[in-house]
C-alpha cells in the first residue's frame, strides 16, 4: 500500500513526534539538548512555524506547533534534521542516520485537543519516571507556562491566553490542568493519530477539514464500500 503524504495545513496546530533510529539516544549530554533547542529556534523563525510546546526526551522529541505556510513544517523538520545530525555526528565521531525515518505528525482540533496535547507533552517525563513533577524536567516548555523561566522558542496559542486575564491566573490554571493530567482515552487518541497520520477531532471538524485537502484524513472503514442506489 502506498504511503500517504503527510497531512500539513497552515493555521492548524500539529502534534509532531521525532524519534531516534531504533530508539537510540539522540543526545549525549546537556549541550546536545541545548543545541537542538537553538536549532529549533532558528528554523522555526526561518520557516514561519510557531512552536507552542515541546519536550526533549533521551531518544525522541514531541512538538506542538502551528505552521504559517503550506510547506513550513516539512521544510523546518528537514533543515532541523540536517543541521542537528551534522553537529551530533561530528561531536560524537559517528556517521550515518540518527532519526527513525520520517517524523510523525497529526493535525488536531484546537478547542478539543490542544490543551490536552500540551499536558500530554509536559507529562512525558513524569510517565517515564524521570521526575515526579513536570516542572522539574529541564528540557520541556512546561516551566515557561508556569512563569518559572522565559523560553524564546515558545509562542503561546490563543487558547492558553484564554485561561486567565492575568499571567498569574493563566499560570495557575495551566498548572492545575497539567496536575489533573489527561485521561487514557485522550492519551491513546493523541498517540495513535500522530503515529498513523490521521486528523484528530470531532466528525464535523474532520469533515470540514476534508474540504481543504484531497488527502484522506481518517482510516477507511473495513469491508466493501456501500454503493449508492441508482435513483438516489
N, C-alpha and C. Protein backbone atom coordinates (compact mmCIF):
# COMPACT_ATOMS: atom_id res chain seq x y z
N UNK A 1 0.85 -1.20 0.00
CA UNK A 1 0.00 0.00 0.00
C UNK A 1 0.89 1.25 0.00
N UNK A 2 0.55 2.19 -0.87
CA UNK A 2 1.34 3.41 -0.97
C UNK A 2 1.23 4.22 0.32
N UNK A 3 2.31 4.85 0.70
CA UNK A 3 2.34 5.65 1.91
C UNK A 3 1.64 6.98 1.68
N UNK A 4 0.74 7.35 2.58
CA UNK A 4 0.03 8.61 2.45
C UNK A 4 0.98 9.78 2.62
N UNK A 5 0.77 10.86 1.86
CA UNK A 5 1.57 12.06 2.11
C UNK A 5 1.22 12.62 3.48
N UNK A 6 2.13 13.35 4.07
CA UNK A 6 1.86 13.94 5.38
C UNK A 6 0.72 14.93 5.28
N UNK A 7 -0.04 15.00 6.35
CA UNK A 7 -1.14 15.96 6.44
C UNK A 7 -0.60 17.23 7.08
N UNK A 8 -0.49 18.29 6.31
CA UNK A 8 0.01 19.57 6.81
C UNK A 8 -0.81 20.69 6.21
N UNK A 9 -1.45 21.47 7.06
CA UNK A 9 -2.23 22.61 6.61
C UNK A 9 -1.87 23.83 7.46
N UNK A 10 -1.61 24.97 6.84
CA UNK A 10 -1.23 26.16 7.62
C UNK A 10 -2.39 26.64 8.48
N UNK A 11 -2.04 27.19 9.64
CA UNK A 11 -3.04 27.77 10.52
C UNK A 11 -3.67 26.80 11.50
N UNK A 12 -3.32 25.51 11.40
CA UNK A 12 -3.85 24.49 12.31
C UNK A 12 -2.72 23.95 13.18
N UNK A 13 -3.00 23.65 14.45
CA UNK A 13 -1.96 23.05 15.29
C UNK A 13 -1.68 21.61 14.89
N UNK A 14 -0.41 21.21 14.98
CA UNK A 14 0.04 19.87 14.66
C UNK A 14 0.83 19.31 15.83
N UNK A 15 0.62 18.05 16.13
CA UNK A 15 1.44 17.34 17.11
C UNK A 15 2.45 16.52 16.33
N UNK A 16 3.72 16.67 16.66
CA UNK A 16 4.81 16.04 15.91
C UNK A 16 5.66 15.19 16.86
N UNK A 17 6.04 14.00 16.39
CA UNK A 17 6.97 13.15 17.12
C UNK A 17 8.15 12.82 16.22
N UNK A 18 9.36 13.03 16.74
CA UNK A 18 10.59 12.71 16.01
C UNK A 18 11.38 11.74 16.88
N UNK A 19 11.70 10.56 16.35
CA UNK A 19 12.34 9.51 17.14
C UNK A 19 13.75 9.21 16.65
N UNK A 20 14.58 8.76 17.58
CA UNK A 20 15.90 8.28 17.22
C UNK A 20 15.80 6.92 16.55
N UNK A 21 16.73 6.66 15.63
CA UNK A 21 16.73 5.39 14.91
C UNK A 21 16.87 4.22 15.87
N UNK A 22 15.97 3.23 15.73
CA UNK A 22 15.96 2.07 16.62
C UNK A 22 15.88 2.48 18.09
N UNK A 23 15.23 3.62 18.32
CA UNK A 23 15.04 4.17 19.68
C UNK A 23 16.36 4.48 20.39
N UNK A 24 17.40 4.74 19.60
CA UNK A 24 18.69 5.07 20.20
C UNK A 24 18.68 6.50 20.72
N UNK A 25 19.59 6.80 21.64
CA UNK A 25 19.69 8.14 22.21
C UNK A 25 20.05 9.16 21.14
N UNK A 26 19.44 10.32 21.20
CA UNK A 26 19.74 11.39 20.25
C UNK A 26 20.48 12.54 20.93
N UNK A 27 20.79 12.36 22.21
CA UNK A 27 21.57 13.33 22.97
C UNK A 27 22.64 12.59 23.77
N UNK A 28 23.82 13.17 23.85
CA UNK A 28 24.89 12.59 24.66
C UNK A 28 25.15 13.39 25.93
N UNK A 29 24.59 14.60 26.01
CA UNK A 29 24.78 15.44 27.17
C UNK A 29 23.95 16.70 27.09
N UNK A 30 24.02 17.53 28.13
CA UNK A 30 23.20 18.74 28.20
C UNK A 30 23.45 19.68 27.02
N UNK A 31 24.68 19.74 26.55
CA UNK A 31 24.99 20.63 25.43
C UNK A 31 24.21 20.25 24.18
N UNK A 32 23.93 18.96 24.01
CA UNK A 32 23.20 18.50 22.84
C UNK A 32 21.73 18.91 22.91
N UNK A 33 21.14 18.80 24.10
CA UNK A 33 19.76 19.26 24.27
C UNK A 33 19.66 20.74 23.92
N UNK A 34 20.60 21.52 24.43
CA UNK A 34 20.55 22.96 24.16
C UNK A 34 20.79 23.26 22.69
N UNK A 35 21.66 22.49 22.07
CA UNK A 35 21.93 22.71 20.65
C UNK A 35 20.67 22.47 19.82
N UNK A 36 19.92 21.41 20.14
CA UNK A 36 18.71 21.14 19.38
C UNK A 36 17.69 22.25 19.58
N UNK A 37 17.57 22.78 20.79
CA UNK A 37 16.65 23.89 21.03
C UNK A 37 17.07 25.13 20.24
N UNK A 38 18.37 25.39 20.18
CA UNK A 38 18.86 26.53 19.42
C UNK A 38 18.54 26.38 17.93
N UNK A 39 18.71 25.16 17.41
CA UNK A 39 18.39 24.91 16.01
C UNK A 39 16.89 25.08 15.77
N UNK A 40 16.08 24.56 16.69
CA UNK A 40 14.63 24.73 16.57
C UNK A 40 14.26 26.20 16.49
N UNK A 41 14.84 27.01 17.34
CA UNK A 41 14.52 28.44 17.34
C UNK A 41 14.86 29.07 16.01
N UNK A 42 16.00 28.70 15.46
CA UNK A 42 16.43 29.26 14.18
C UNK A 42 15.52 28.84 13.03
N UNK A 43 15.26 27.54 12.90
CA UNK A 43 14.49 27.06 11.75
C UNK A 43 13.00 27.38 11.88
N UNK A 44 12.49 27.45 13.10
CA UNK A 44 11.08 27.82 13.27
C UNK A 44 10.84 29.25 12.79
N UNK A 45 11.76 30.12 13.14
CA UNK A 45 11.65 31.51 12.67
C UNK A 45 11.80 31.58 11.16
N UNK A 46 12.76 30.84 10.63
CA UNK A 46 13.03 30.88 9.19
C UNK A 46 11.84 30.41 8.36
N UNK A 47 11.14 29.38 8.84
CA UNK A 47 10.06 28.79 8.04
C UNK A 47 8.67 29.12 8.57
N UNK A 48 8.58 30.14 9.42
CA UNK A 48 7.29 30.68 9.89
C UNK A 48 6.44 29.63 10.59
N UNK A 49 7.04 28.96 11.55
CA UNK A 49 6.35 27.96 12.35
C UNK A 49 6.32 28.41 13.80
N UNK A 50 5.14 28.47 14.39
CA UNK A 50 5.01 28.81 15.80
C UNK A 50 5.05 27.54 16.64
N UNK A 51 5.96 27.47 17.58
CA UNK A 51 6.06 26.31 18.47
C UNK A 51 5.38 26.65 19.79
N UNK A 52 4.36 25.88 20.14
CA UNK A 52 3.57 26.14 21.34
C UNK A 52 4.07 25.34 22.54
N UNK A 53 4.59 24.15 22.31
CA UNK A 53 5.05 23.30 23.41
C UNK A 53 6.04 22.27 22.85
N UNK A 54 6.93 21.81 23.75
CA UNK A 54 7.88 20.77 23.34
C UNK A 54 8.37 20.02 24.57
N UNK A 55 8.89 18.83 24.32
CA UNK A 55 9.67 18.10 25.32
C UNK A 55 10.73 17.32 24.57
N UNK A 56 11.95 17.37 25.08
CA UNK A 56 13.06 16.61 24.52
C UNK A 56 13.34 15.45 25.45
N UNK A 57 13.04 14.24 25.00
CA UNK A 57 13.34 13.04 25.76
C UNK A 57 14.66 12.45 25.25
N UNK A 58 15.18 11.44 25.92
CA UNK A 58 16.50 10.94 25.56
C UNK A 58 16.58 10.40 24.13
N UNK A 59 15.47 9.82 23.64
CA UNK A 59 15.50 9.22 22.30
C UNK A 59 14.36 9.67 21.40
N UNK A 60 13.62 10.68 21.81
CA UNK A 60 12.58 11.23 20.94
C UNK A 60 12.18 12.63 21.38
N UNK A 61 11.45 13.30 20.49
CA UNK A 61 11.03 14.69 20.71
C UNK A 61 9.55 14.80 20.40
N UNK A 62 8.82 15.55 21.24
CA UNK A 62 7.43 15.91 20.96
C UNK A 62 7.36 17.42 20.74
N UNK A 63 6.56 17.82 19.75
CA UNK A 63 6.33 19.23 19.47
C UNK A 63 4.84 19.47 19.27
N UNK A 64 4.37 20.64 19.69
CA UNK A 64 3.04 21.13 19.33
C UNK A 64 3.27 22.46 18.64
N UNK A 65 2.85 22.57 17.40
CA UNK A 65 3.20 23.74 16.61
C UNK A 65 2.12 24.08 15.59
N UNK A 66 2.20 25.29 15.09
CA UNK A 66 1.30 25.73 14.02
C UNK A 66 2.12 26.32 12.89
N UNK A 67 2.12 25.68 11.71
CA UNK A 67 2.85 26.24 10.57
C UNK A 67 2.08 27.40 9.96
N UNK A 68 2.82 28.39 9.48
CA UNK A 68 2.17 29.54 8.86
C UNK A 68 2.03 29.41 7.36
N UNK A 69 2.71 28.43 6.77
CA UNK A 69 2.66 28.22 5.33
C UNK A 69 2.46 26.74 5.03
N UNK A 70 2.13 26.45 3.79
CA UNK A 70 1.84 25.07 3.36
C UNK A 70 3.04 24.14 3.56
N UNK A 71 4.24 24.65 3.27
CA UNK A 71 5.41 23.79 3.35
C UNK A 71 6.34 24.15 4.50
N UNK A 72 5.88 24.99 5.42
CA UNK A 72 6.73 25.43 6.52
C UNK A 72 7.17 24.31 7.44
N UNK A 73 6.23 23.42 7.79
CA UNK A 73 6.57 22.33 8.71
C UNK A 73 7.56 21.34 8.10
N UNK A 74 7.30 20.78 6.91
CA UNK A 74 8.28 19.84 6.36
C UNK A 74 9.64 20.47 6.11
N UNK A 75 9.68 21.72 5.67
CA UNK A 75 10.96 22.38 5.43
C UNK A 75 11.70 22.60 6.75
N UNK A 76 10.97 22.97 7.80
CA UNK A 76 11.59 23.17 9.10
C UNK A 76 12.20 21.87 9.61
N UNK A 77 11.44 20.78 9.51
CA UNK A 77 11.92 19.50 10.02
C UNK A 77 13.11 18.99 9.20
N UNK A 78 13.09 19.23 7.91
CA UNK A 78 14.22 18.82 7.07
C UNK A 78 15.48 19.59 7.45
N UNK A 79 15.35 20.91 7.61
CA UNK A 79 16.50 21.73 7.98
C UNK A 79 17.00 21.37 9.37
N UNK A 80 16.09 21.12 10.28
CA UNK A 80 16.47 20.73 11.63
C UNK A 80 17.26 19.43 11.61
N UNK A 81 16.73 18.43 10.89
CA UNK A 81 17.37 17.14 10.85
C UNK A 81 18.79 17.22 10.31
N UNK A 82 18.97 17.94 9.23
CA UNK A 82 20.29 18.03 8.62
C UNK A 82 21.27 18.74 9.55
N UNK A 83 20.85 19.86 10.12
CA UNK A 83 21.74 20.64 10.96
C UNK A 83 22.15 19.88 12.21
N UNK A 84 21.16 19.30 12.89
CA UNK A 84 21.49 18.64 14.15
C UNK A 84 22.28 17.35 13.93
N UNK A 85 21.94 16.60 12.90
CA UNK A 85 22.66 15.35 12.65
C UNK A 85 24.11 15.63 12.32
N UNK A 86 24.38 16.68 11.53
CA UNK A 86 25.77 17.05 11.23
C UNK A 86 26.52 17.36 12.52
N UNK A 87 25.88 18.15 13.37
CA UNK A 87 26.51 18.52 14.65
C UNK A 87 26.74 17.28 15.52
N UNK A 88 25.71 16.42 15.67
CA UNK A 88 25.82 15.27 16.56
C UNK A 88 26.85 14.27 16.05
N UNK A 89 26.84 14.01 14.76
CA UNK A 89 27.81 13.07 14.19
C UNK A 89 29.25 13.58 14.36
N UNK A 90 29.42 14.89 14.19
CA UNK A 90 30.76 15.45 14.34
C UNK A 90 31.24 15.37 15.79
N UNK A 91 30.40 15.76 16.72
CA UNK A 91 30.83 15.79 18.12
C UNK A 91 30.97 14.38 18.71
N UNK A 92 30.20 13.43 18.20
CA UNK A 92 30.26 12.06 18.72
C UNK A 92 31.13 11.14 17.86
N UNK A 93 31.75 11.73 16.83
CA UNK A 93 32.63 10.97 15.95
C UNK A 93 31.93 9.71 15.42
N UNK A 94 30.75 9.95 14.88
CA UNK A 94 29.97 8.87 14.31
C UNK A 94 29.53 9.26 12.91
N UNK A 95 28.88 8.35 12.20
CA UNK A 95 28.34 8.65 10.88
C UNK A 95 27.02 7.91 10.72
N UNK A 96 26.30 8.27 9.70
CA UNK A 96 25.04 7.58 9.42
C UNK A 96 23.83 8.31 9.96
N UNK A 97 22.71 7.65 9.85
CA UNK A 97 21.43 8.26 10.22
C UNK A 97 21.27 8.33 11.73
N UNK A 98 20.48 9.29 12.17
CA UNK A 98 20.18 9.43 13.59
C UNK A 98 18.68 9.24 13.83
N UNK A 99 17.87 9.62 12.85
CA UNK A 99 16.42 9.59 13.02
C UNK A 99 15.81 8.29 12.51
N UNK A 100 14.68 7.95 13.07
CA UNK A 100 13.92 6.77 12.66
C UNK A 100 12.99 7.15 11.51
N UNK A 101 13.53 7.25 10.32
CA UNK A 101 12.71 7.58 9.15
C UNK A 101 12.08 8.96 9.26
N UNK A 102 10.88 9.07 8.76
CA UNK A 102 10.17 10.35 8.73
C UNK A 102 9.62 10.68 10.10
N UNK A 103 9.49 11.97 10.37
CA UNK A 103 8.79 12.37 11.59
C UNK A 103 7.31 12.02 11.47
N UNK A 104 6.66 11.81 12.60
CA UNK A 104 5.24 11.50 12.64
C UNK A 104 4.47 12.76 13.04
N UNK A 105 3.29 12.94 12.49
CA UNK A 105 2.53 14.14 12.84
C UNK A 105 1.04 13.94 12.63
N UNK A 106 0.27 14.73 13.35
CA UNK A 106 -1.17 14.78 13.16
C UNK A 106 -1.65 16.22 13.31
N UNK A 107 -2.70 16.54 12.63
CA UNK A 107 -3.35 17.84 12.74
C UNK A 107 -4.49 17.69 13.75
N UNK A 108 -4.58 18.60 14.73
CA UNK A 108 -5.56 18.43 15.79
C UNK A 108 -6.55 19.60 15.85
N UNK A 109 -7.73 19.29 16.35
CA UNK A 109 -8.77 20.30 16.57
C UNK A 109 -8.41 21.08 17.83
N UNK A 110 -8.25 22.39 17.69
CA UNK A 110 -7.74 23.20 18.79
C UNK A 110 -8.59 23.11 20.05
N UNK A 111 -9.88 23.43 19.92
CA UNK A 111 -10.71 23.52 21.12
C UNK A 111 -10.99 22.17 21.76
N UNK A 112 -10.69 21.09 21.07
CA UNK A 112 -10.95 19.76 21.61
C UNK A 112 -9.68 19.13 22.19
N UNK A 113 -8.53 19.38 21.55
CA UNK A 113 -7.35 18.62 21.92
C UNK A 113 -6.09 19.44 22.22
N UNK A 114 -6.08 20.75 21.96
CA UNK A 114 -4.82 21.47 22.06
C UNK A 114 -4.26 21.49 23.49
N UNK A 115 -5.06 21.89 24.46
CA UNK A 115 -4.57 21.94 25.84
C UNK A 115 -4.26 20.54 26.36
N UNK A 116 -5.05 19.56 25.94
CA UNK A 116 -4.76 18.17 26.33
C UNK A 116 -3.43 17.72 25.74
N UNK A 117 -3.13 18.15 24.52
CA UNK A 117 -1.87 17.79 23.89
C UNK A 117 -0.70 18.45 24.61
N UNK A 118 -0.86 19.68 25.04
CA UNK A 118 0.18 20.35 25.81
C UNK A 118 0.47 19.59 27.10
N UNK A 119 -0.59 19.19 27.80
CA UNK A 119 -0.41 18.42 29.04
C UNK A 119 0.24 17.07 28.74
N UNK A 120 -0.19 16.43 27.68
CA UNK A 120 0.39 15.14 27.25
C UNK A 120 1.89 15.28 27.04
N UNK A 121 2.30 16.36 26.38
CA UNK A 121 3.71 16.60 26.13
C UNK A 121 4.46 16.86 27.43
N UNK A 122 3.91 17.73 28.27
CA UNK A 122 4.57 18.09 29.53
C UNK A 122 4.73 16.90 30.47
N UNK A 123 3.79 15.96 30.40
CA UNK A 123 3.80 14.84 31.33
C UNK A 123 4.64 13.65 30.86
N UNK A 124 5.24 13.75 29.69
CA UNK A 124 6.10 12.67 29.19
C UNK A 124 7.19 12.28 30.18
N UNK A 125 7.94 13.23 30.73
CA UNK A 125 9.00 12.84 31.68
C UNK A 125 8.45 12.22 32.96
N UNK A 126 7.25 12.61 33.36
CA UNK A 126 6.62 12.03 34.55
C UNK A 126 6.23 10.59 34.27
N UNK A 127 5.60 10.35 33.11
CA UNK A 127 5.22 8.99 32.75
C UNK A 127 6.43 8.08 32.61
N UNK A 128 7.56 8.66 32.19
CA UNK A 128 8.79 7.87 32.01
C UNK A 128 9.53 7.65 33.33
N UNK A 129 9.04 8.28 34.41
CA UNK A 129 9.67 8.10 35.70
C UNK A 129 10.94 8.92 35.90
N UNK A 130 11.14 9.94 35.07
CA UNK A 130 12.35 10.75 35.17
C UNK A 130 12.25 11.81 36.26
N UNK A 131 11.03 12.31 36.48
CA UNK A 131 10.78 13.32 37.51
C UNK A 131 9.43 13.04 38.15
N UNK A 132 9.23 13.61 39.33
CA UNK A 132 7.95 13.45 40.00
C UNK A 132 6.95 14.50 39.53
N UNK A 133 7.46 15.67 39.12
CA UNK A 133 6.60 16.76 38.66
C UNK A 133 7.10 17.26 37.31
N UNK A 134 6.17 17.63 36.46
CA UNK A 134 6.54 18.10 35.12
C UNK A 134 7.48 19.30 35.19
N UNK A 135 7.29 20.18 36.15
CA UNK A 135 8.09 21.39 36.25
C UNK A 135 9.55 21.12 36.62
N UNK A 136 9.85 19.91 37.07
CA UNK A 136 11.21 19.57 37.45
C UNK A 136 12.07 19.10 36.27
N UNK A 137 11.44 18.90 35.12
CA UNK A 137 12.19 18.44 33.96
C UNK A 137 12.72 19.65 33.18
N UNK A 138 14.03 19.74 32.95
CA UNK A 138 14.59 20.96 32.36
C UNK A 138 14.40 21.13 30.87
N UNK A 139 14.08 20.04 30.15
CA UNK A 139 14.08 20.11 28.69
C UNK A 139 12.67 20.06 28.11
N UNK A 140 11.78 20.86 28.67
CA UNK A 140 10.43 21.00 28.13
C UNK A 140 10.00 22.45 28.27
N UNK A 141 8.89 22.79 27.67
CA UNK A 141 8.37 24.15 27.72
C UNK A 141 7.49 24.39 28.94
N UNK A 142 7.34 23.38 29.80
CA UNK A 142 6.40 23.49 30.91
C UNK A 142 6.74 24.65 31.84
N UNK A 143 8.02 24.82 32.17
CA UNK A 143 8.41 25.88 33.10
C UNK A 143 8.06 27.27 32.55
N UNK A 144 8.08 27.43 31.24
CA UNK A 144 7.70 28.70 30.63
C UNK A 144 6.26 29.05 30.96
N UNK A 145 5.39 28.05 30.89
CA UNK A 145 3.97 28.30 31.13
C UNK A 145 3.62 28.46 32.60
N UNK A 146 4.57 28.11 33.47
CA UNK A 146 4.36 28.33 34.91
C UNK A 146 5.01 29.64 35.36
N UNK A 147 5.64 30.36 34.44
CA UNK A 147 6.29 31.62 34.78
C UNK A 147 7.63 31.44 35.48
N UNK A 148 8.22 30.23 35.39
CA UNK A 148 9.48 29.96 36.08
C UNK A 148 10.68 30.39 35.24
N UNK A 149 10.52 30.49 33.95
CA UNK A 149 11.56 31.00 33.07
C UNK A 149 10.93 31.45 31.77
N UNK A 150 11.68 32.21 31.00
CA UNK A 150 11.20 32.68 29.69
C UNK A 150 11.88 31.86 28.60
N UNK A 151 11.09 31.27 27.74
CA UNK A 151 11.59 30.42 26.66
C UNK A 151 11.34 31.13 25.34
N UNK A 152 12.40 31.57 24.69
CA UNK A 152 12.26 32.33 23.45
C UNK A 152 11.69 31.50 22.31
N UNK A 153 11.77 30.18 22.44
CA UNK A 153 11.25 29.31 21.39
C UNK A 153 9.73 29.29 21.34
N UNK A 154 9.10 29.60 22.46
CA UNK A 154 7.66 29.38 22.62
C UNK A 154 6.81 30.57 22.18
N UNK A 155 5.76 30.26 21.41
CA UNK A 155 4.69 31.20 21.09
C UNK A 155 3.40 30.61 21.64
N UNK A 156 2.86 31.14 22.73
CA UNK A 156 1.64 30.56 23.29
C UNK A 156 0.47 30.62 22.31
N UNK A 157 -0.32 29.56 22.29
CA UNK A 157 -1.53 29.53 21.47
C UNK A 157 -2.60 30.40 22.13
N UNK A 158 -3.53 30.88 21.34
CA UNK A 158 -4.59 31.75 21.87
C UNK A 158 -5.39 31.06 22.97
N UNK A 159 -5.53 29.75 22.92
CA UNK A 159 -6.29 29.05 23.96
C UNK A 159 -5.58 29.11 25.31
N UNK A 160 -4.26 29.22 25.31
CA UNK A 160 -3.57 29.41 26.59
C UNK A 160 -3.87 30.79 27.16
N UNK A 161 -3.88 31.81 26.31
CA UNK A 161 -4.19 33.17 26.77
C UNK A 161 -5.59 33.24 27.36
N UNK A 162 -6.49 32.41 26.88
CA UNK A 162 -7.86 32.43 27.37
C UNK A 162 -8.04 31.73 28.72
N UNK A 163 -6.97 31.17 29.27
CA UNK A 163 -7.07 30.50 30.57
C UNK A 163 -7.22 31.49 31.73
N UNK A 164 -6.87 32.75 31.50
CA UNK A 164 -7.00 33.75 32.56
C UNK A 164 -6.70 35.14 32.06
N UNK A 165 -7.07 36.14 32.83
CA UNK A 165 -6.90 37.53 32.43
C UNK A 165 -5.56 38.12 32.85
N UNK A 166 -4.82 37.41 33.69
CA UNK A 166 -3.51 37.87 34.13
C UNK A 166 -2.51 36.73 33.99
N UNK A 167 -1.21 37.07 33.93
CA UNK A 167 -0.21 35.99 33.85
C UNK A 167 -0.35 34.99 35.00
N UNK A 168 -0.57 35.49 36.21
CA UNK A 168 -0.69 34.59 37.36
C UNK A 168 -1.88 33.66 37.19
N UNK A 169 -3.01 34.19 36.73
CA UNK A 169 -4.21 33.37 36.55
C UNK A 169 -3.99 32.29 35.50
N UNK A 170 -3.34 32.67 34.40
CA UNK A 170 -3.06 31.69 33.34
C UNK A 170 -2.11 30.61 33.83
N UNK A 171 -1.07 31.02 34.53
CA UNK A 171 -0.09 30.06 35.03
C UNK A 171 -0.72 29.09 36.02
N UNK A 172 -1.57 29.61 36.91
CA UNK A 172 -2.22 28.75 37.89
C UNK A 172 -3.20 27.79 37.22
N UNK A 173 -3.95 28.29 36.24
CA UNK A 173 -4.92 27.45 35.56
C UNK A 173 -4.22 26.35 34.77
N UNK A 174 -3.11 26.69 34.13
CA UNK A 174 -2.40 25.67 33.36
C UNK A 174 -1.74 24.65 34.28
N UNK A 175 -1.20 25.10 35.39
CA UNK A 175 -0.60 24.18 36.36
C UNK A 175 -1.64 23.18 36.85
N UNK A 176 -2.85 23.67 37.12
CA UNK A 176 -3.93 22.79 37.56
C UNK A 176 -4.28 21.78 36.47
N UNK A 177 -4.30 22.24 35.23
CA UNK A 177 -4.65 21.37 34.11
C UNK A 177 -3.64 20.23 33.98
N UNK A 178 -2.36 20.56 34.07
CA UNK A 178 -1.33 19.53 33.95
C UNK A 178 -1.34 18.60 35.15
N UNK A 179 -1.56 19.17 36.34
CA UNK A 179 -1.61 18.36 37.55
C UNK A 179 -2.75 17.33 37.47
N UNK A 180 -3.88 17.75 36.87
CA UNK A 180 -5.02 16.84 36.73
C UNK A 180 -4.72 15.73 35.72
N UNK A 181 -3.82 16.02 34.76
CA UNK A 181 -3.45 15.02 33.77
C UNK A 181 -4.50 14.86 32.69
N UNK A 182 -4.29 13.91 31.81
CA UNK A 182 -5.26 13.61 30.77
C UNK A 182 -5.67 12.15 30.91
N UNK A 183 -6.88 11.87 30.46
CA UNK A 183 -7.37 10.50 30.63
C UNK A 183 -6.78 9.57 29.58
N UNK A 184 -6.95 8.29 29.81
CA UNK A 184 -6.36 7.28 28.94
C UNK A 184 -6.88 7.37 27.51
N UNK A 185 -8.15 7.74 27.36
CA UNK A 185 -8.74 7.85 26.01
C UNK A 185 -8.06 8.96 25.23
N UNK A 186 -7.87 10.13 25.87
CA UNK A 186 -7.20 11.24 25.20
C UNK A 186 -5.76 10.89 24.86
N UNK A 187 -5.09 10.26 25.80
CA UNK A 187 -3.69 9.89 25.58
C UNK A 187 -3.56 8.92 24.40
N UNK A 188 -4.42 7.92 24.36
CA UNK A 188 -4.38 6.95 23.27
C UNK A 188 -4.71 7.60 21.93
N UNK A 189 -5.69 8.52 21.94
CA UNK A 189 -6.09 9.19 20.71
C UNK A 189 -4.95 10.04 20.15
N UNK A 190 -4.26 10.76 21.03
CA UNK A 190 -3.15 11.61 20.59
C UNK A 190 -2.00 10.77 20.04
N UNK A 191 -1.68 9.69 20.73
CA UNK A 191 -0.59 8.84 20.28
C UNK A 191 -0.92 8.16 18.96
N UNK A 192 -2.09 7.56 18.87
CA UNK A 192 -2.47 6.80 17.68
C UNK A 192 -2.57 7.70 16.45
N UNK A 193 -3.23 8.85 16.62
CA UNK A 193 -3.41 9.75 15.48
C UNK A 193 -2.07 10.27 14.97
N UNK A 194 -1.16 10.56 15.89
CA UNK A 194 0.15 11.10 15.47
C UNK A 194 0.96 10.04 14.75
N UNK A 195 1.01 8.84 15.29
CA UNK A 195 1.81 7.79 14.67
C UNK A 195 1.25 7.35 13.33
N UNK A 196 -0.07 7.44 13.18
CA UNK A 196 -0.71 6.99 11.93
C UNK A 196 -0.95 8.12 10.93
N UNK A 197 -0.85 9.37 11.40
CA UNK A 197 -1.01 10.50 10.49
C UNK A 197 -2.43 10.89 10.18
N UNK A 198 -3.38 10.50 11.04
CA UNK A 198 -4.78 10.87 10.83
C UNK A 198 -5.11 12.18 11.54
N UNK A 199 -6.06 12.92 11.00
CA UNK A 199 -6.54 14.14 11.66
C UNK A 199 -7.28 13.75 12.94
N UNK A 200 -7.13 14.58 13.97
CA UNK A 200 -7.74 14.28 15.26
C UNK A 200 -8.73 15.36 15.64
N UNK A 201 -10.01 15.00 15.70
CA UNK A 201 -11.03 15.95 16.05
C UNK A 201 -12.41 15.35 15.93
N UNK A 202 -13.42 16.15 16.23
CA UNK A 202 -14.80 15.72 16.10
C UNK A 202 -15.16 15.49 14.64
N UNK A 203 -16.20 14.67 14.36
CA UNK A 203 -16.56 14.37 12.97
C UNK A 203 -16.81 15.61 12.12
N UNK A 204 -17.48 16.63 12.66
CA UNK A 204 -17.75 17.84 11.89
C UNK A 204 -16.46 18.57 11.53
N UNK A 205 -15.51 18.58 12.47
CA UNK A 205 -14.22 19.22 12.22
C UNK A 205 -13.48 18.50 11.10
N UNK A 206 -13.45 17.18 11.16
CA UNK A 206 -12.74 16.40 10.14
C UNK A 206 -13.42 16.56 8.78
N UNK A 207 -14.74 16.56 8.77
CA UNK A 207 -15.48 16.71 7.52
C UNK A 207 -15.20 18.07 6.88
N UNK A 208 -15.16 19.11 7.70
CA UNK A 208 -14.86 20.44 7.18
C UNK A 208 -13.42 20.52 6.69
N UNK A 209 -12.52 19.87 7.42
CA UNK A 209 -11.11 19.85 7.04
C UNK A 209 -10.91 19.12 5.71
N UNK A 210 -11.71 18.07 5.48
CA UNK A 210 -11.58 17.28 4.26
C UNK A 210 -11.83 18.12 3.01
N UNK A 211 -12.61 19.20 3.16
CA UNK A 211 -12.88 20.08 2.03
C UNK A 211 -11.64 20.85 1.60
N UNK A 212 -10.65 20.91 2.47
CA UNK A 212 -9.45 21.69 2.18
C UNK A 212 -8.29 20.86 1.64
N UNK A 213 -8.48 19.56 1.60
CA UNK A 213 -7.39 18.70 1.13
C UNK A 213 -7.94 17.46 0.46
N UNK A 214 -7.22 16.97 -0.55
CA UNK A 214 -7.61 15.73 -1.19
C UNK A 214 -7.04 14.51 -0.51
N UNK A 215 -6.24 14.73 0.50
CA UNK A 215 -5.60 13.65 1.23
C UNK A 215 -6.59 13.05 2.23
N UNK A 216 -6.69 11.72 2.28
CA UNK A 216 -7.59 11.05 3.21
C UNK A 216 -7.18 11.38 4.64
N UNK A 217 -8.17 11.69 5.50
CA UNK A 217 -7.88 12.19 6.83
C UNK A 217 -8.08 11.17 7.94
N UNK A 218 -8.83 10.10 7.65
CA UNK A 218 -9.07 9.09 8.66
C UNK A 218 -9.00 7.71 8.03
N UNK A 219 -8.85 6.71 8.90
CA UNK A 219 -8.76 5.34 8.43
C UNK A 219 -10.06 4.94 7.73
N UNK A 220 -9.92 4.27 6.60
CA UNK A 220 -11.10 3.82 5.87
C UNK A 220 -11.80 2.72 6.63
N UNK A 221 -13.11 2.67 6.53
CA UNK A 221 -13.87 1.61 7.20
C UNK A 221 -13.61 0.27 6.52
N UNK A 222 -13.59 -0.78 7.32
CA UNK A 222 -13.36 -2.11 6.77
C UNK A 222 -14.55 -2.56 5.95
N UNK A 223 -14.31 -3.47 5.02
CA UNK A 223 -15.39 -4.01 4.22
C UNK A 223 -15.53 -3.31 2.89
N UNK A 224 -16.44 -3.80 2.08
CA UNK A 224 -16.65 -3.23 0.75
C UNK A 224 -17.45 -1.96 0.87
N UNK A 225 -17.19 -0.99 -0.01
CA UNK A 225 -17.94 0.27 0.04
C UNK A 225 -19.40 0.04 -0.32
N UNK A 226 -20.26 0.83 0.29
CA UNK A 226 -21.69 0.74 0.02
C UNK A 226 -21.99 1.53 -1.24
N UNK A 227 -22.63 0.89 -2.24
CA UNK A 227 -22.95 1.56 -3.48
C UNK A 227 -24.26 2.33 -3.36
N UNK A 228 -24.27 3.52 -3.93
CA UNK A 228 -25.48 4.31 -3.90
C UNK A 228 -26.54 3.70 -4.80
N UNK A 229 -27.81 3.86 -4.45
CA UNK A 229 -28.88 3.37 -5.31
C UNK A 229 -28.94 4.19 -6.59
N UNK A 230 -29.42 3.57 -7.67
CA UNK A 230 -29.40 4.23 -8.96
C UNK A 230 -30.16 5.55 -8.96
N UNK A 231 -31.30 5.60 -8.27
CA UNK A 231 -32.13 6.81 -8.32
C UNK A 231 -31.95 7.69 -7.09
N UNK A 232 -30.91 7.45 -6.34
CA UNK A 232 -30.70 8.23 -5.12
C UNK A 232 -30.34 9.67 -5.48
